[in-house]
Amino acid sequence: MTFATLSSKGQLTVPADARRALGLHSGSRVLIETQGDRIIIRTPGNLLALGGVLGKAQPMALEKKAMAGEAAKRTRGVT
Protein backbone atom coordinates (compact mmCIF):
# COMPACT_ATOMS: atom_id res chain seq x y z
CA MET A 1 0.00 0.00 0.00
CA THR A 2 1.26 3.44 -0.91
CA PHE A 3 0.02 6.73 0.52
CA ALA A 4 -0.51 9.83 -1.62
CA THR A 5 -1.35 13.41 -0.72
CA LEU A 6 -4.07 15.47 -2.36
CA SER A 7 -2.82 18.88 -3.53
CA SER A 8 -4.59 22.19 -2.90
CA LYS A 9 -5.87 21.94 -6.50
CA GLY A 10 -7.39 18.50 -5.86
CA GLN A 11 -4.65 16.70 -7.76
CA LEU A 12 -3.32 13.31 -6.78
CA THR A 13 -0.12 11.67 -8.00
CA VAL A 14 -0.56 8.00 -8.91
CA PRO A 15 2.47 6.09 -7.61
CA ALA A 16 4.89 4.81 -10.27
CA ASP A 17 4.29 1.12 -9.49
CA ALA A 18 0.53 1.56 -9.96
CA ARG A 19 1.06 3.45 -13.24
CA ARG A 20 3.32 0.69 -14.53
CA ALA A 21 0.87 -2.03 -13.49
CA LEU A 22 -1.96 -0.34 -15.43
CA GLY A 23 0.16 0.83 -18.36
CA LEU A 24 -0.56 4.50 -17.63
CA HIS A 25 1.60 7.31 -18.97
CA SER A 26 1.39 11.08 -19.29
CA GLY A 27 -1.90 11.96 -20.94
CA SER A 28 -3.61 8.64 -20.12
CA ARG A 29 -7.32 8.92 -19.27
CA VAL A 30 -8.81 6.95 -16.41
CA LEU A 31 -12.30 6.34 -15.05
CA ILE A 32 -12.90 7.41 -11.46
CA GLU A 33 -15.82 6.00 -9.51
CA THR A 34 -16.86 6.32 -5.89
CA GLN A 35 -18.34 3.47 -3.88
CA GLY A 36 -19.12 4.44 -0.31
CA ASP A 37 -15.86 5.66 1.20
CA ARG A 38 -13.74 4.32 -1.69
CA ILE A 39 -12.40 5.90 -4.85
CA ILE A 40 -11.83 3.44 -7.68
CA ILE A 41 -9.50 4.40 -10.53
CA ARG A 42 -9.71 2.21 -13.63
CA THR A 43 -8.51 2.25 -17.19
CA PRO A 44 -11.46 2.72 -19.55
CA GLY A 45 -10.58 -0.18 -21.84
CA ASN A 46 -12.19 -0.46 -25.24
CA LEU A 47 -15.83 0.56 -24.81
CA LEU A 48 -16.69 -0.33 -28.40
CA ALA A 49 -15.74 -3.97 -27.77
CA LEU A 50 -18.66 -4.15 -25.32
CA GLY A 51 -21.34 -3.35 -27.90
CA GLY A 52 -24.38 -5.59 -27.39
CA VAL A 53 -23.05 -7.67 -24.48
CA LEU A 54 -25.90 -6.68 -22.20
CA GLY A 55 -28.73 -7.63 -24.50
CA LYS A 56 -29.93 -7.48 -28.06
CA ALA A 57 -27.55 -5.37 -30.07
CA GLN A 58 -28.84 -2.17 -31.56
CA PRO A 59 -27.56 -0.69 -34.81
CA MET A 60 -23.89 0.25 -34.33
CA ALA A 61 -24.63 3.99 -34.65
CA LEU A 62 -27.08 3.82 -31.71
CA GLU A 63 -24.70 1.67 -29.65
CA LYS A 64 -21.84 4.13 -30.21
CA LYS A 65 -24.07 7.08 -29.28
CA ALA A 66 -25.25 5.36 -26.09
CA MET A 67 -21.71 4.34 -25.12
CA ALA A 68 -20.36 7.82 -25.79
CA GLY A 69 -23.09 9.33 -23.60
CA GLU A 70 -22.36 6.91 -20.77
CA ALA A 71 -18.61 7.49 -21.06
CA ALA A 72 -19.17 11.27 -20.98
CA LYS A 73 -21.26 10.95 -17.80
CA ARG A 74 -18.61 8.82 -16.13
CA THR A 75 -15.68 11.03 -17.14
CA ARG A 76 -17.14 14.48 -16.43
CA GLY A 77 -14.51 16.51 -14.66
CA VAL A 78 -11.63 14.21 -15.67
CA THR A 79 -9.05 16.16 -17.60
PDB file of N, CA and C in Angstrom:
ATOM      1  N   MET A   1       0.852  -1.174   0.000  1.00  0.00           N
ATOM      2  CA  MET A   1       0.000   0.000   0.000  1.00  0.00           C
ATOM      3  C   MET A   1       0.890   1.227   0.000  1.00  0.00           C
ATOM      4  N   THR A   2       0.515   2.200  -0.809  1.00  0.00           N
ATOM      5  CA  THR A   2       1.258   3.443  -0.912  1.00  0.00           C
ATOM      6  C   THR A   2       0.326   4.596  -0.575  1.00  0.00           C
ATOM      7  N   PHE A   3       0.814   5.554   0.193  1.00  0.00           N
ATOM      8  CA  PHE A   3       0.024   6.733   0.519  1.00  0.00           C
ATOM      9  C   PHE A   3       0.324   7.835  -0.483  1.00  0.00           C
ATOM     10  N   ALA A   4      -0.669   8.674  -0.738  1.00  0.00           N
ATOM     11  CA  ALA A   4      -0.510   9.826  -1.616  1.00  0.00           C
ATOM     12  C   ALA A   4      -1.179  11.014  -0.929  1.00  0.00           C
ATOM     13  N   THR A   5      -0.797  12.202  -1.317  1.00  0.00           N
ATOM     14  CA  THR A   5      -1.350  13.408  -0.718  1.00  0.00           C
ATOM     15  C   THR A   5      -2.081  14.221  -1.782  1.00  0.00           C
ATOM     16  N   LEU A   6      -3.270  14.655  -1.466  1.00  0.00           N
ATOM     17  CA  LEU A   6      -4.073  15.473  -2.364  1.00  0.00           C
ATOM     18  C   LEU A   6      -3.554  16.907  -2.317  1.00  0.00           C
ATOM     19  N   SER A   7      -3.321  17.508  -3.483  1.00  0.00           N
ATOM     20  CA  SER A   7      -2.816  18.882  -3.527  1.00  0.00           C
ATOM     21  C   SER A   7      -3.951  19.875  -3.283  1.00  0.00           C
ATOM     22  N   SER A   8      -3.587  21.142  -3.119  1.00  0.00           N
ATOM     23  CA  SER A   8      -4.591  22.187  -2.902  1.00  0.00           C
ATOM     24  C   SER A   8      -5.501  22.351  -4.116  1.00  0.00           C
ATOM     25  N   LYS A   9      -5.059  21.879  -5.280  1.00  0.00           N
ATOM     26  CA  LYS A   9      -5.871  21.938  -6.499  1.00  0.00           C
ATOM     27  C   LYS A   9      -6.675  20.653  -6.713  1.00  0.00           C
ATOM     28  N   GLY A  10      -6.644  19.754  -5.746  1.00  0.00           N
ATOM     29  CA  GLY A  10      -7.388  18.504  -5.861  1.00  0.00           C
ATOM     30  C   GLY A  10      -6.682  17.452  -6.700  1.00  0.00           C
ATOM     31  N   GLN A  11      -5.403  17.651  -6.947  1.00  0.00           N
ATOM     32  CA  GLN A  11      -4.647  16.703  -7.765  1.00  0.00           C
ATOM     33  C   GLN A  11      -3.994  15.635  -6.897  1.00  0.00           C
ATOM     34  N   LEU A  12      -3.898  14.438  -7.478  1.00  0.00           N
ATOM     35  CA  LEU A  12      -3.317  13.308  -6.780  1.00  0.00           C
ATOM     36  C   LEU A  12      -2.305  12.660  -7.705  1.00  0.00           C
ATOM     37  N   THR A  13      -1.132  12.351  -7.201  1.00  0.00           N
ATOM     38  CA  THR A  13      -0.124  11.667  -7.997  1.00  0.00           C
ATOM     39  C   THR A  13      -0.290  10.168  -7.824  1.00  0.00           C
ATOM     40  N   VAL A  14      -0.455   9.459  -8.943  1.00  0.00           N
ATOM     41  CA  VAL A  14      -0.561   8.004  -8.910  1.00  0.00           C
ATOM     42  C   VAL A  14       0.855   7.451  -8.803  1.00  0.00           C
ATOM     43  N   PRO A  15       1.123   6.623  -7.802  1.00  0.00           N
ATOM     44  CA  PRO A  15       2.475   6.089  -7.615  1.00  0.00           C
ATOM     45  C   PRO A  15       2.970   5.345  -8.862  1.00  0.00           C
ATOM     46  N   ALA A  16       4.286   5.392  -9.083  1.00  0.00           N
ATOM     47  CA  ALA A  16       4.894   4.805 -10.275  1.00  0.00           C
ATOM     48  C   ALA A  16       4.567   3.327 -10.442  1.00  0.00           C
ATOM     49  N   ASP A  17       4.577   2.555  -9.349  1.00  0.00           N
ATOM     50  CA  ASP A  17       4.294   1.123  -9.492  1.00  0.00           C
ATOM     51  C   ASP A  17       2.863   0.874  -9.961  1.00  0.00           C
ATOM     52  N   ALA A  18       1.918   1.689  -9.519  1.00  0.00           N
ATOM     53  CA  ALA A  18       0.525   1.560  -9.962  1.00  0.00           C
ATOM     54  C   ALA A  18       0.395   1.965 -11.427  1.00  0.00           C
ATOM     55  N   ARG A  19       1.102   3.029 -11.827  1.00  0.00           N
ATOM     56  CA  ARG A  19       1.062   3.452 -13.239  1.00  0.00           C
ATOM     57  C   ARG A  19       1.620   2.363 -14.134  1.00  0.00           C
ATOM     58  N   ARG A  20       2.724   1.772 -13.734  1.00  0.00           N
ATOM     59  CA  ARG A  20       3.321   0.689 -14.533  1.00  0.00           C
ATOM     60  C   ARG A  20       2.374  -0.505 -14.631  1.00  0.00           C
ATOM     61  N   ALA A  21       1.759  -0.867 -13.512  1.00  0.00           N
ATOM     62  CA  ALA A  21       0.868  -2.034 -13.486  1.00  0.00           C
ATOM     63  C   ALA A  21      -0.321  -1.859 -14.427  1.00  0.00           C
ATOM     64  N   LEU A  22      -0.798  -0.613 -14.573  1.00  0.00           N
ATOM     65  CA  LEU A  22      -1.959  -0.342 -15.429  1.00  0.00           C
ATOM     66  C   LEU A  22      -1.574   0.155 -16.815  1.00  0.00           C
ATOM     67  N   GLY A  23      -0.281   0.336 -17.058  1.00  0.00           N
ATOM     68  CA  GLY A  23       0.162   0.830 -18.359  1.00  0.00           C
ATOM     69  C   GLY A  23      -0.192   2.289 -18.588  1.00  0.00           C
ATOM     70  N   LEU A  24      -0.225   3.078 -17.528  1.00  0.00           N
ATOM     71  CA  LEU A  24      -0.559   4.495 -17.635  1.00  0.00           C
ATOM     72  C   LEU A  24       0.686   5.320 -17.912  1.00  0.00           C
ATOM     73  N   HIS A  25       0.507   6.387 -18.661  1.00  0.00           N
ATOM     74  CA  HIS A  25       1.595   7.307 -18.967  1.00  0.00           C
ATOM     75  C   HIS A  25       1.019   8.708 -19.036  1.00  0.00           C
ATOM     76  N   SER A  26       1.855   9.692 -19.216  1.00  0.00           N
ATOM     77  CA  SER A  26       1.394  11.075 -19.289  1.00  0.00           C
ATOM     78  C   SER A  26       0.316  11.204 -20.363  1.00  0.00           C
ATOM     79  N   GLY A  27      -0.802  11.785 -19.997  1.00  0.00           N
ATOM     80  CA  GLY A  27      -1.900  11.961 -20.941  1.00  0.00           C
ATOM     81  C   GLY A  27      -2.925  10.826 -20.937  1.00  0.00           C
ATOM     82  N   SER A  28      -2.651   9.743 -20.204  1.00  0.00           N
ATOM     83  CA  SER A  28      -3.614   8.638 -20.120  1.00  0.00           C
ATOM     84  C   SER A  28      -4.891   9.126 -19.450  1.00  0.00           C
ATOM     85  N   ARG A  29      -6.034   8.612 -19.903  1.00  0.00           N
ATOM     86  CA  ARG A  29      -7.315   8.922 -19.269  1.00  0.00           C
ATOM     87  C   ARG A  29      -7.714   7.725 -18.418  1.00  0.00           C
ATOM     88  N   VAL A  30      -8.349   8.008 -17.302  1.00  0.00           N
ATOM     89  CA  VAL A  30      -8.812   6.952 -16.410  1.00  0.00           C
ATOM     90  C   VAL A  30     -10.257   7.230 -16.017  1.00  0.00           C
ATOM     91  N   LEU A  31     -10.949   6.194 -15.600  1.00  0.00           N
ATOM     92  CA  LEU A  31     -12.297   6.336 -15.047  1.00  0.00           C
ATOM     93  C   LEU A  31     -12.174   6.387 -13.531  1.00  0.00           C
ATOM     94  N   ILE A  32     -12.910   7.292 -12.912  1.00  0.00           N
ATOM     95  CA  ILE A  32     -12.897   7.410 -11.459  1.00  0.00           C
ATOM     96  C   ILE A  32     -14.321   7.226 -10.968  1.00  0.00           C
ATOM     97  N   GLU A  33     -14.508   6.269 -10.086  1.00  0.00           N
ATOM     98  CA  GLU A  33     -15.820   5.995  -9.512  1.00  0.00           C
ATOM     99  C   GLU A  33     -15.716   6.050  -7.997  1.00  0.00           C
ATOM    100  N   THR A  34     -16.816   6.371  -7.339  1.00  0.00           N
ATOM    101  CA  THR A  34     -16.856   6.321  -5.889  1.00  0.00           C
ATOM    102  C   THR A  34     -17.849   5.242  -5.474  1.00  0.00           C
ATOM    103  N   GLN A  35     -17.474   4.488  -4.469  1.00  0.00           N
ATOM    104  CA  GLN A  35     -18.343   3.473  -3.875  1.00  0.00           C
ATOM    105  C   GLN A  35     -18.205   3.601  -2.372  1.00  0.00           C
ATOM    106  N   GLY A  36     -19.211   4.200  -1.757  1.00  0.00           N
ATOM    107  CA  GLY A  36     -19.123   4.436  -0.313  1.00  0.00           C
ATOM    108  C   GLY A  36     -17.955   5.342  -0.001  1.00  0.00           C
ATOM    109  N   ASP A  37     -17.023   4.848   0.826  1.00  0.00           N
ATOM    110  CA  ASP A  37     -15.862   5.659   1.197  1.00  0.00           C
ATOM    111  C   ASP A  37     -14.636   5.332   0.351  1.00  0.00           C
ATOM    112  N   ARG A  38     -14.851   4.718  -0.816  1.00  0.00           N
ATOM    113  CA  ARG A  38     -13.738   4.320  -1.685  1.00  0.00           C
ATOM    114  C   ARG A  38     -13.749   5.096  -2.996  1.00  0.00           C
ATOM    115  N   ILE A  39     -12.566   5.338  -3.516  1.00  0.00           N
ATOM    116  CA  ILE A  39     -12.396   5.897  -4.855  1.00  0.00           C
ATOM    117  C   ILE A  39     -11.745   4.807  -5.686  1.00  0.00           C
ATOM    118  N   ILE A  40     -12.349   4.482  -6.811  1.00  0.00           N
ATOM    119  CA  ILE A  40     -11.829   3.440  -7.684  1.00  0.00           C
ATOM    120  C   ILE A  40     -11.356   4.095  -8.968  1.00  0.00           C
ATOM    121  N   ILE A  41     -10.093   3.852  -9.314  1.00  0.00           N
ATOM    122  CA  ILE A  41      -9.497   4.398 -10.529  1.00  0.00           C
ATOM    123  C   ILE A  41      -9.253   3.231 -11.465  1.00  0.00           C
ATOM    124  N   ARG A  42      -9.848   3.299 -12.665  1.00  0.00           N
ATOM    125  CA  ARG A  42      -9.710   2.207 -13.630  1.00  0.00           C
ATOM    126  C   ARG A  42      -9.328   2.758 -14.996  1.00  0.00           C
ATOM    127  N   THR A  43      -8.731   1.894 -15.794  1.00  0.00           N
ATOM    128  CA  THR A  43      -8.507   2.251 -17.190  1.00  0.00           C
ATOM    129  C   THR A  43      -9.827   2.017 -17.917  1.00  0.00           C
ATOM    130  N   PRO A  44     -10.161   2.861 -18.891  1.00  0.00           N
ATOM    131  CA  PRO A  44     -11.464   2.721 -19.546  1.00  0.00           C
ATOM    132  C   PRO A  44     -11.584   1.503 -20.452  1.00  0.00           C
ATOM    133  N   GLY A  45     -10.488   0.956 -20.931  1.00  0.00           N
ATOM    134  CA  GLY A  45     -10.577  -0.184 -21.841  1.00  0.00           C
ATOM    135  C   GLY A  45     -11.182   0.233 -23.177  1.00  0.00           C
ATOM    136  N   ASN A  46     -11.595  -0.726 -23.931  1.00  0.00           N
ATOM    137  CA  ASN A  46     -12.190  -0.465 -25.235  1.00  0.00           C
ATOM    138  C   ASN A  46     -13.702  -0.576 -25.113  1.00  0.00           C
ATOM    139  N   LEU A  47     -14.379   0.565 -24.980  1.00  0.00           N
ATOM    140  CA  LEU A  47     -15.833   0.563 -24.808  1.00  0.00           C
ATOM    141  C   LEU A  47     -16.558  -0.011 -26.017  1.00  0.00           C
ATOM    142  N   LEU A  48     -16.014   0.178 -27.211  1.00  0.00           N
ATOM    143  CA  LEU A  48     -16.694  -0.327 -28.403  1.00  0.00           C
ATOM    144  C   LEU A  48     -16.714  -1.853 -28.444  1.00  0.00           C
ATOM    145  N   ALA A  49     -15.769  -2.505 -27.789  1.00  0.00           N
ATOM    146  CA  ALA A  49     -15.744  -3.967 -27.771  1.00  0.00           C
ATOM    147  C   ALA A  49     -16.904  -4.529 -26.960  1.00  0.00           C
ATOM    148  N   LEU A  50     -17.566  -3.697 -26.156  1.00  0.00           N
ATOM    149  CA  LEU A  50     -18.661  -4.152 -25.316  1.00  0.00           C
ATOM    150  C   LEU A  50     -20.020  -4.046 -26.003  1.00  0.00           C
ATOM    151  N   GLY A  51     -20.067  -3.546 -27.209  1.00  0.00           N
ATOM    152  CA  GLY A  51     -21.340  -3.346 -27.899  1.00  0.00           C
ATOM    153  C   GLY A  51     -22.202  -4.591 -27.917  1.00  0.00           C
ATOM    154  N   GLY A  52     -23.423  -4.503 -27.346  1.00  0.00           N
ATOM    155  CA  GLY A  52     -24.379  -5.588 -27.386  1.00  0.00           C
ATOM    156  C   GLY A  52     -24.232  -6.666 -26.336  1.00  0.00           C
ATOM    157  N   VAL A  53     -23.263  -6.580 -25.435  1.00  0.00           N
ATOM    158  CA  VAL A  53     -23.048  -7.671 -24.485  1.00  0.00           C
ATOM    159  C   VAL A  53     -24.127  -7.740 -23.411  1.00  0.00           C
ATOM    160  N   LEU A  54     -24.887  -6.688 -23.242  1.00  0.00           N
ATOM    161  CA  LEU A  54     -25.902  -6.680 -22.198  1.00  0.00           C
ATOM    162  C   LEU A  54     -27.307  -6.970 -22.714  1.00  0.00           C
ATOM    163  N   GLY A  55     -27.415  -7.350 -23.933  1.00  0.00           N
ATOM    164  CA  GLY A  55     -28.730  -7.634 -24.495  1.00  0.00           C
ATOM    165  C   GLY A  55     -28.670  -7.581 -26.000  1.00  0.00           C
ATOM    166  N   LYS A  56     -29.858  -7.527 -26.606  1.00  0.00           N
ATOM    167  CA  LYS A  56     -29.927  -7.483 -28.056  1.00  0.00           C
ATOM    168  C   LYS A  56     -29.205  -6.246 -28.575  1.00  0.00           C
ATOM    169  N   ALA A  57     -28.327  -6.473 -29.508  1.00  0.00           N
ATOM    170  CA  ALA A  57     -27.550  -5.371 -30.073  1.00  0.00           C
ATOM    171  C   ALA A  57     -28.438  -4.453 -30.894  1.00  0.00           C
ATOM    172  N   GLN A  58     -28.177  -3.190 -30.772  1.00  0.00           N
ATOM    173  CA  GLN A  58     -28.838  -2.168 -31.564  1.00  0.00           C
ATOM    174  C   GLN A  58     -27.953  -1.871 -32.764  1.00  0.00           C
ATOM    175  N   PRO A  59     -28.451  -1.111 -33.725  1.00  0.00           N
ATOM    176  CA  PRO A  59     -27.558  -0.690 -34.812  1.00  0.00           C
ATOM    177  C   PRO A  59     -26.317  -0.009 -34.234  1.00  0.00           C
ATOM    178  N   MET A  60     -25.175  -0.230 -34.855  1.00  0.00           N
ATOM    179  CA  MET A  60     -23.890   0.255 -34.327  1.00  0.00           C
ATOM    180  C   MET A  60     -23.924   1.757 -34.040  1.00  0.00           C
ATOM    181  N   ALA A  61     -24.585   2.541 -34.880  1.00  0.00           N
ATOM    182  CA  ALA A  61     -24.633   3.991 -34.650  1.00  0.00           C
ATOM    183  C   ALA A  61     -25.312   4.302 -33.314  1.00  0.00           C
ATOM    184  N   LEU A  62     -26.400   3.596 -32.982  1.00  0.00           N
ATOM    185  CA  LEU A  62     -27.084   3.819 -31.710  1.00  0.00           C
ATOM    186  C   LEU A  62     -26.244   3.328 -30.540  1.00  0.00           C
ATOM    187  N   GLU A  63     -25.568   2.201 -30.715  1.00  0.00           N
ATOM    188  CA  GLU A  63     -24.699   1.674 -29.655  1.00  0.00           C
ATOM    189  C   GLU A  63     -23.577   2.669 -29.355  1.00  0.00           C
ATOM    190  N   LYS A  64     -22.941   3.184 -30.411  1.00  0.00           N
ATOM    191  CA  LYS A  64     -21.841   4.134 -30.211  1.00  0.00           C
ATOM    192  C   LYS A  64     -22.335   5.390 -29.500  1.00  0.00           C
ATOM    193  N   LYS A  65     -23.523   5.874 -29.899  1.00  0.00           N
ATOM    194  CA  LYS A  65     -24.073   7.079 -29.282  1.00  0.00           C
ATOM    195  C   LYS A  65     -24.352   6.838 -27.797  1.00  0.00           C
ATOM    196  N   ALA A  66     -24.952   5.690 -27.477  1.00  0.00           N
ATOM    197  CA  ALA A  66     -25.250   5.362 -26.086  1.00  0.00           C
ATOM    198  C   ALA A  66     -23.972   5.203 -25.274  1.00  0.00           C
ATOM    199  N   MET A  67     -22.978   4.533 -25.834  1.00  0.00           N
ATOM    200  CA  MET A  67     -21.710   4.335 -25.118  1.00  0.00           C
ATOM    201  C   MET A  67     -20.985   5.658 -24.914  1.00  0.00           C
ATOM    202  N   ALA A  68     -21.012   6.520 -25.923  1.00  0.00           N
ATOM    203  CA  ALA A  68     -20.356   7.824 -25.791  1.00  0.00           C
ATOM    204  C   ALA A  68     -21.028   8.649 -24.703  1.00  0.00           C
ATOM    205  N   GLY A  69     -22.364   8.596 -24.643  1.00  0.00           N
ATOM    206  CA  GLY A  69     -23.087   9.327 -23.604  1.00  0.00           C
ATOM    207  C   GLY A  69     -22.753   8.819 -22.221  1.00  0.00           C
ATOM    208  N   GLU A  70     -22.697   7.500 -22.064  1.00  0.00           N
ATOM    209  CA  GLU A  70     -22.363   6.908 -20.768  1.00  0.00           C
ATOM    210  C   GLU A  70     -20.925   7.237 -20.390  1.00  0.00           C
ATOM    211  N   ALA A  71     -20.009   7.153 -21.340  1.00  0.00           N
ATOM    212  CA  ALA A  71     -18.612   7.490 -21.059  1.00  0.00           C
ATOM    213  C   ALA A  71     -18.484   8.949 -20.641  1.00  0.00           C
ATOM    214  N   ALA A  72     -19.225   9.833 -21.319  1.00  0.00           N
ATOM    215  CA  ALA A  72     -19.175  11.267 -20.975  1.00  0.00           C
ATOM    216  C   ALA A  72     -19.673  11.496 -19.553  1.00  0.00           C
ATOM    217  N   LYS A  73     -20.753  10.806 -19.168  1.00  0.00           N
ATOM    218  CA  LYS A  73     -21.264  10.952 -17.799  1.00  0.00           C
ATOM    219  C   LYS A  73     -20.239  10.491 -16.789  1.00  0.00           C
ATOM    220  N   ARG A  74     -19.557   9.393 -17.080  1.00  0.00           N
ATOM    221  CA  ARG A  74     -18.607   8.820 -16.126  1.00  0.00           C
ATOM    222  C   ARG A  74     -17.293   9.581 -16.075  1.00  0.00           C
ATOM    223  N   THR A  75     -16.976  10.339 -17.114  1.00  0.00           N
ATOM    224  CA  THR A  75     -15.680  11.030 -17.139  1.00  0.00           C
ATOM    225  C   THR A  75     -15.801  12.521 -16.969  1.00  0.00           C
ATOM    226  N   ARG A  76     -16.999  13.032 -16.662  1.00  0.00           N
ATOM    227  CA  ARG A  76     -17.138  14.479 -16.426  1.00  0.00           C
ATOM    228  C   ARG A  76     -16.166  14.926 -15.353  1.00  0.00           C
ATOM    229  N   GLY A  77     -15.457  15.979 -15.628  1.00  0.00           N
ATOM    230  CA  GLY A  77     -14.513  16.513 -14.661  1.00  0.00           C
ATOM    231  C   GLY A  77     -13.136  15.892 -14.726  1.00  0.00           C
ATOM    232  N   VAL A  78     -12.959  14.819 -15.523  1.00  0.00           N
ATOM    233  CA  VAL A  78     -11.629  14.208 -15.671  1.00  0.00           C
ATOM    234  C   VAL A  78     -10.937  14.910 -16.817  1.00  0.00           C
ATOM    235  N   THR A  79      -9.781  15.466 -16.536  1.00  0.00           N
ATOM    236  CA  THR A  79      -9.053  16.164 -17.603  1.00  0.00           C
ATOM    237  C   THR A  79      -7.696  15.561 -17.781  1.00  0.00           C
TER     238      THR A  79
END
